Amino acid sequence: MRLSNIIKEKAILLDIQAQKKQEVLEEMVRHLKKNKLINHEKDIIEKLLQRESLGSTALGEGIAIPHCKVKGIKNPILLVGIAPRGVNFEAPDGAPVNVFFLLITSPEDPSLNLQILALIAQLVRKSPGLKEKLLKAERPQEVLEIIREQEEKT
């Protein structure tokens, strides 16, 4: 399984404007709703906030993986969000987050959720400069190309 096969172009948000954790999550979820990738906006935001209350999903080095499981999701949804100005997401290293991998999966398949989270973590770990490359992307297609190239290297 490859992340580049899960990410749809319309699930790429290049210019996140929000500056606070909850607002960033809301902006990304609104983007998914606007692009008809989800229906239950409030439920998803609530679940993402519940997950964040357990501890930040920021990995450090400018990357976060907010995620949740929602009933009624048939296929995993993976949004890539870019916040050029950076957002305080309570990262362990204190650095602002510029790149978000927002994952929504079905609770009926918890192993798929873990598998995709592991793929994201592996991509980030094995791709030095990934954040910088993604920050330079000007079109959703470029984001997908960058991720595809990095996946082929690993």
C-alpha atoms as a PDB file:
ATOM      1  CA  MET A   1       0.000   0.000   0.000  1.00  0.00           C
ATOM      2  CA  ARG A   2       1.197   3.504  -0.863  1.00  0.00           C
ATOM      3  CA  LEU A   3       0.119   6.850   0.559  1.00  0.00           C
ATOM      4  CA  SER A   4       0.166   8.330  -2.944  1.00  0.00           C
ATOM      5  CA  ASN A   5      -2.614   5.876  -3.885  1.00  0.00           C
ATOM      6  CA  ILE A   6      -4.772   6.958  -0.931  1.00  0.00           C
ATOM      7  CA  ILE A   7      -4.353  10.738  -1.269  1.00  0.00           C
ATOM      8  CA  LYS A   8      -6.715  12.371  -3.741  1.00  0.00           C
ATOM      9  CA  GLU A   9      -5.797  15.710  -5.330  1.00  0.00           C
ATOM     10  CA  LYS A  10      -8.945  17.300  -3.925  1.00  0.00           C
ATOM     11  CA  ALA A  11      -7.773  16.230  -0.444  1.00  0.00           C
ATOM     12  CA  ILE A  12      -4.720  18.488  -0.665  1.00  0.00           C
ATOM     13  CA  LEU A  13      -4.989  21.888   1.007  1.00  0.00           C
ATOM     14  CA  LEU A  14      -2.046  24.092   0.076  1.00  0.00           C
ATOM     15  CA  ASP A  15      -2.578  27.253   2.086  1.00  0.00           C
ATOM     16  CA  ILE A  16      -3.932  26.686   5.575  1.00  0.00           C
ATOM     17  CA  GLN A  17      -4.784  30.087   7.062  1.00  0.00           C
ATOM     18  CA  ALA A  18      -5.759  29.095  10.612  1.00  0.00           C
ATOM     19  CA  GLN A  19      -3.268  29.724  13.408  1.00  0.00           C
ATOM     20  CA  LYS A  20      -4.769  27.701  16.284  1.00  0.00           C
ATOM     21  CA  LYS A  21      -4.994  23.921  16.658  1.00  0.00           C
ATOM     22  CA  GLN A  22      -8.806  23.652  16.649  1.00  0.00           C
ATOM     23  CA  GLU A  23      -9.155  26.125  13.774  1.00  0.00           C
ATOM     24  CA  VAL A  24      -6.637  24.202  11.661  1.00  0.00           C
ATOM     25  CA  LEU A  25      -8.557  20.963  12.214  1.00  0.00           C
ATOM     26  CA  GLU A  26     -11.816  22.726  11.329  1.00  0.00           C
ATOM     27  CA  GLU A  27     -10.318  24.264   8.176  1.00  0.00           C
ATOM     28  CA  MET A  28      -9.036  20.881   6.960  1.00  0.00           C
ATOM     29  CA  VAL A  29     -12.355  19.137   7.684  1.00  0.00           C
ATOM     30  CA  ARG A  30     -14.296  21.940   5.925  1.00  0.00           C
ATOM     31  CA  HIS A  31     -12.039  21.398   2.901  1.00  0.00           C
ATOM     32  CA  LEU A  32     -12.961  17.688   2.859  1.00  0.00           C
ATOM     33  CA  LYS A  33     -16.674  18.549   3.167  1.00  0.00           C
ATOM     34  CA  LYS A  34     -16.490  21.180   0.411  1.00  0.00           C
ATOM     35  CA  ASN A  35     -14.889  18.588  -1.873  1.00  0.00           C
ATOM     36  CA  LYS A  36     -17.591  16.022  -0.997  1.00  0.00           C
ATOM     37  CA  LEU A  37     -15.159  13.572   0.604  1.00  0.00           C
ATOM     38  CA  ILE A  38     -17.067  13.523   3.918  1.00  0.00           C
ATOM     39  CA  ASN A  39     -20.592  14.235   5.187  1.00  0.00           C
ATOM     40  CA  HIS A  40     -20.406  14.495   8.992  1.00  0.00           C
ATOM     41  CA  GLU A  41     -18.224  17.536   9.557  1.00  0.00           C
ATOM     42  CA  LYS A  42     -19.076  18.128  13.256  1.00  0.00           C
ATOM     43  CA  ASP A  43     -18.630  14.478  14.249  1.00  0.00           C
ATOM     44  CA  ILE A  44     -15.190  14.348  12.618  1.00  0.00           C
ATOM     45  CA  ILE A  45     -14.008  17.606  14.217  1.00  0.00           C
ATOM     46  CA  GLU A  46     -15.217  16.336  17.605  1.00  0.00           C
ATOM     47  CA  LYS A  47     -13.355  13.040  17.200  1.00  0.00           C
ATOM     48  CA  LEU A  48     -10.155  14.806  16.081  1.00  0.00           C
ATOM     49  CA  LEU A  49     -10.315  17.124  19.098  1.00  0.00           C
ATOM     50  CA  GLN A  50     -10.923  14.145  21.411  1.00  0.00           C
ATOM     51  CA  ARG A  51      -7.831  12.465  19.973  1.00  0.00           C
ATOM     52  CA  GLU A  52      -5.745  15.639  20.404  1.00  0.00           C
ATOM     53  CA  SER A  53      -6.879  15.900  24.038  1.00  0.00           C
ATOM     54  CA  LEU A  54      -5.031  12.608  24.689  1.00  0.00           C
ATOM     55  CA  GLY A  55      -1.799  14.175  23.459  1.00  0.00           C
ATOM     56  CA  SER A  56      -0.687  16.117  20.421  1.00  0.00           C
ATOM     57  CA  THR A  57      -0.379  14.214  17.151  1.00  0.00           C
ATOM     58  CA  ALA A  58       2.536  16.462  16.172  1.00  0.00           C
ATOM     59  CA  LEU A  59       5.662  14.396  15.545  1.00  0.00           C
ATOM     60  CA  GLY A  60       8.098  17.293  15.659  1.00  0.00           C
ATOM     61  CA  GLU A  61      10.173  18.850  12.888  1.00  0.00           C
ATOM     62  CA  GLY A  62       7.081  20.608  11.507  1.00  0.00           C
ATOM     63  CA  ILE A  63       4.872  17.557  10.893  1.00  0.00           C
ATOM     64  CA  ALA A  64       1.636  16.346  12.521  1.00  0.00           C
ATOM     65  CA  ILE A  65      -0.688  13.405  11.884  1.00  0.00           C
ATOM     66  CA  PRO A  66      -4.110  14.237  13.321  1.00  0.00           C
ATOM     67  CA  HIS A  67      -6.319  11.183  12.968  1.00  0.00           C
ATOM     68  CA  CYS A  68      -9.605   9.602  14.023  1.00  0.00           C
ATOM     69  CA  LYS A  69     -11.967   6.745  13.271  1.00  0.00           C
ATOM     70  CA  VAL A  70     -15.493   7.539  12.100  1.00  0.00           C
ATOM     71  CA  LYS A  71     -18.405   5.220  11.381  1.00  0.00           C
ATOM     72  CA  GLY A  72     -19.629   5.273   7.800  1.00  0.00           C
ATOM     73  CA  ILE A  73     -16.200   5.859   6.239  1.00  0.00           C
ATOM     74  CA  LYS A  74     -15.766   3.228   3.517  1.00  0.00           C
ATOM     75  CA  ASN A  75     -12.266   4.058   2.291  1.00  0.00           C
ATOM     76  CA  PRO A  76      -9.546   5.812   4.255  1.00  0.00           C
ATOM     77  CA  ILE A  77      -9.370   9.574   3.710  1.00  0.00           C
ATOM     78  CA  LEU A  78      -5.958  11.196   3.869  1.00  0.00           C
ATOM     79  CA  LEU A  79      -5.699  14.965   3.559  1.00  0.00           C
ATOM     80  CA  VAL A  80      -2.348  16.664   3.154  1.00  0.00           C
ATOM     81  CA  GLY A  81      -2.469  20.185   4.537  1.00  0.00           C
ATOM     82  CA  ILE A  82       0.268  22.779   4.170  1.00  0.00           C
ATOM     83  CA  ALA A  83       0.472  25.707   6.613  1.00  0.00           C
ATOM     84  CA  PRO A  84       3.210  27.999   5.238  1.00  0.00           C
ATOM     85  CA  ARG A  85       3.269  30.219   8.355  1.00  0.00           C
ATOM     86  CA  GLY A  86       3.326  27.260  10.748  1.00  0.00           C
ATOM     87  CA  VAL A  87       0.913  26.492  13.583  1.00  0.00           C
ATOM     88  CA  ASN A  88       1.539  25.858  17.273  1.00  0.00           C
ATOM     89  CA  PHE A  89       0.338  22.242  17.508  1.00  0.00           C
ATOM     90  CA  GLU A  90       2.058  21.423  20.809  1.00  0.00           C
ATOM     91  CA  ALA A  91       4.828  19.477  19.103  1.00  0.00           C
ATOM     92  CA  PRO A  92       7.312  17.651  21.354  1.00  0.00           C
ATOM     93  CA  ASP A  93      10.166  19.792  19.953  1.00  0.00           C
ATOM     94  CA  GLY A  94       8.136  23.009  20.312  1.00  0.00           C
ATOM     95  CA  ALA A  95       8.471  23.731  16.572  1.00  0.00           C
ATOM     96  CA  PRO A  96       5.465  25.026  14.632  1.00  0.00           C
ATOM     97  CA  VAL A  97       3.752  22.520  12.323  1.00  0.00           C
ATOM     98  CA  ASN A  98       3.754  23.217   8.582  1.00  0.00           C
ATOM     99  CA  VAL A  99       2.651  19.847   7.182  1.00  0.00           C
ATOM    100  CA  PHE A 100      -0.431  17.926   8.275  1.00  0.00           C
ATOM    101  CA  PHE A 101      -1.408  14.403   7.298  1.00  0.00           C
ATOM    102  CA  LEU A 102      -5.055  14.232   8.430  1.00  0.00           C
ATOM    103  CA  LEU A 103      -6.250  10.613   8.453  1.00  0.00           C
ATOM    104  CA  ILE A 104      -9.844   9.426   8.808  1.00  0.00           C
ATOM    105  CA  THR A 105     -10.582   5.702   8.775  1.00  0.00           C
ATOM    106  CA  SER A 106     -13.385   3.345   9.715  1.00  0.00           C
ATOM    107  CA  PRO A 107     -13.502   1.914  13.263  1.00  0.00           C
ATOM    108  CA  GLU A 108     -14.328  -1.459  11.680  1.00  0.00           C
ATOM    109  CA  ASP A 109     -10.743  -1.794  10.392  1.00  0.00           C
ATOM    110  CA  PRO A 110      -8.349  -0.634  13.140  1.00  0.00           C
ATOM    111  CA  SER A 111      -5.376  -2.417  11.567  1.00  0.00           C
ATOM    112  CA  LEU A 112      -5.744  -0.323   8.391  1.00  0.00           C
ATOM    113  CA  ASN A 113      -5.581   2.842  10.507  1.00  0.00           C
ATOM    114  CA  LEU A 114      -2.349   1.664  12.149  1.00  0.00           C
ATOM    115  CA  GLN A 115      -0.896   0.559   8.824  1.00  0.00           C
ATOM    116  CA  ILE A 116      -1.458   3.997   7.234  1.00  0.00           C
ATOM    117  CA  LEU A 117      -0.117   5.823  10.319  1.00  0.00           C
ATOM    118  CA  ALA A 118       3.006   3.649  10.115  1.00  0.00           C
ATOM    119  CA  LEU A 119       3.407   4.458   6.396  1.00  0.00           C
ATOM    120  CA  ILE A 120       3.205   8.199   7.131  1.00  0.00           C
ATOM    121  CA  ALA A 121       5.732   7.901   9.974  1.00  0.00           C
ATOM    122  CA  GLN A 122       8.070   5.881   7.739  1.00  0.00           C
ATOM    123  CA  LEU A 123       7.767   8.422   4.891  1.00  0.00           C
ATOM    124  CA  VAL A 124       8.591  11.280   7.265  1.00  0.00           C
ATOM    125  CA  ARG A 125      11.486   9.439   8.903  1.00  0.00           C
ATOM    126  CA  LYS A 126      13.099   8.331   5.641  1.00  0.00           C
ATOM    127  CA  SER A 127      12.598  11.572   3.710  1.00  0.00           C
ATOM    128  CA  PRO A 128      14.911  14.298   4.948  1.00  0.00           C
ATOM    129  CA  GLY A 129      13.756  17.621   3.536  1.00  0.00           C
ATOM    130  CA  LEU A 130      10.198  16.399   2.932  1.00  0.00           C
ATOM    131  CA  LYS A 131       8.667  19.358   4.777  1.00  0.00           C
ATOM    132  CA  GLU A 132      10.739  21.871   2.801  1.00  0.00           C
ATOM    133  CA  LYS A 133       9.819  20.237  -0.519  1.00  0.00           C
ATOM    134  CA  LEU A 134       6.109  20.183   0.341  1.00  0.00           C
ATOM    135  CA  LEU A 135       6.221  23.837   1.425  1.00  0.00           C
ATOM    136  CA  LYS A 136       7.483  24.773  -2.057  1.00  0.00           C
ATOM    137  CA  ALA A 137       4.653  22.949  -3.862  1.00  0.00           C
ATOM    138  CA  GLU A 138       2.367  25.316  -5.732  1.00  0.00           C
ATOM    139  CA  ARG A 139      -0.223  22.827  -6.973  1.00  0.00           C
ATOM    140  CA  PRO A 140      -1.857  19.717  -5.472  1.00  0.00           C
ATOM    141  CA  GLN A 141      -0.294  17.603  -8.260  1.00  0.00           C
ATOM    142  CA  GLU A 142       3.157  18.683  -7.065  1.00  0.00           C
ATOM    143  CA  VAL A 143       2.392  17.501  -3.524  1.00  0.00           C
ATOM    144  CA  LEU A 144       1.400  14.087  -4.877  1.00  0.00           C
ATOM    145  CA  GLU A 145       4.516  13.915  -7.079  1.00  0.00           C
ATOM    146  CA  ILE A 146       6.788  14.752  -4.119  1.00  0.00           C
ATOM    147  CA  ILE A 147       5.176  12.044  -1.967  1.00  0.00           C
ATOM    148  CA  ARG A 148       5.329   9.525  -4.830  1.00  0.00           C
ATOM    149  CA  GLU A 149       9.038  10.257  -5.422  1.00  0.00           C
ATOM    150  CA  GLN A 150       9.838   9.857  -1.715  1.00  0.00           C
ATOM    151  CA  GLU A 151       7.897   6.580  -1.528  1.00  0.00           C
ATOM    152  CA  GLU A 152       9.883   5.184  -4.468  1.00  0.00           C
ATOM    153  CA  LYS A 153      13.143   5.981  -2.668  1.00  0.00           C
ATOM    154  CA  THR A 154      12.165   4.097   0.522  1.00  0.00           C
END
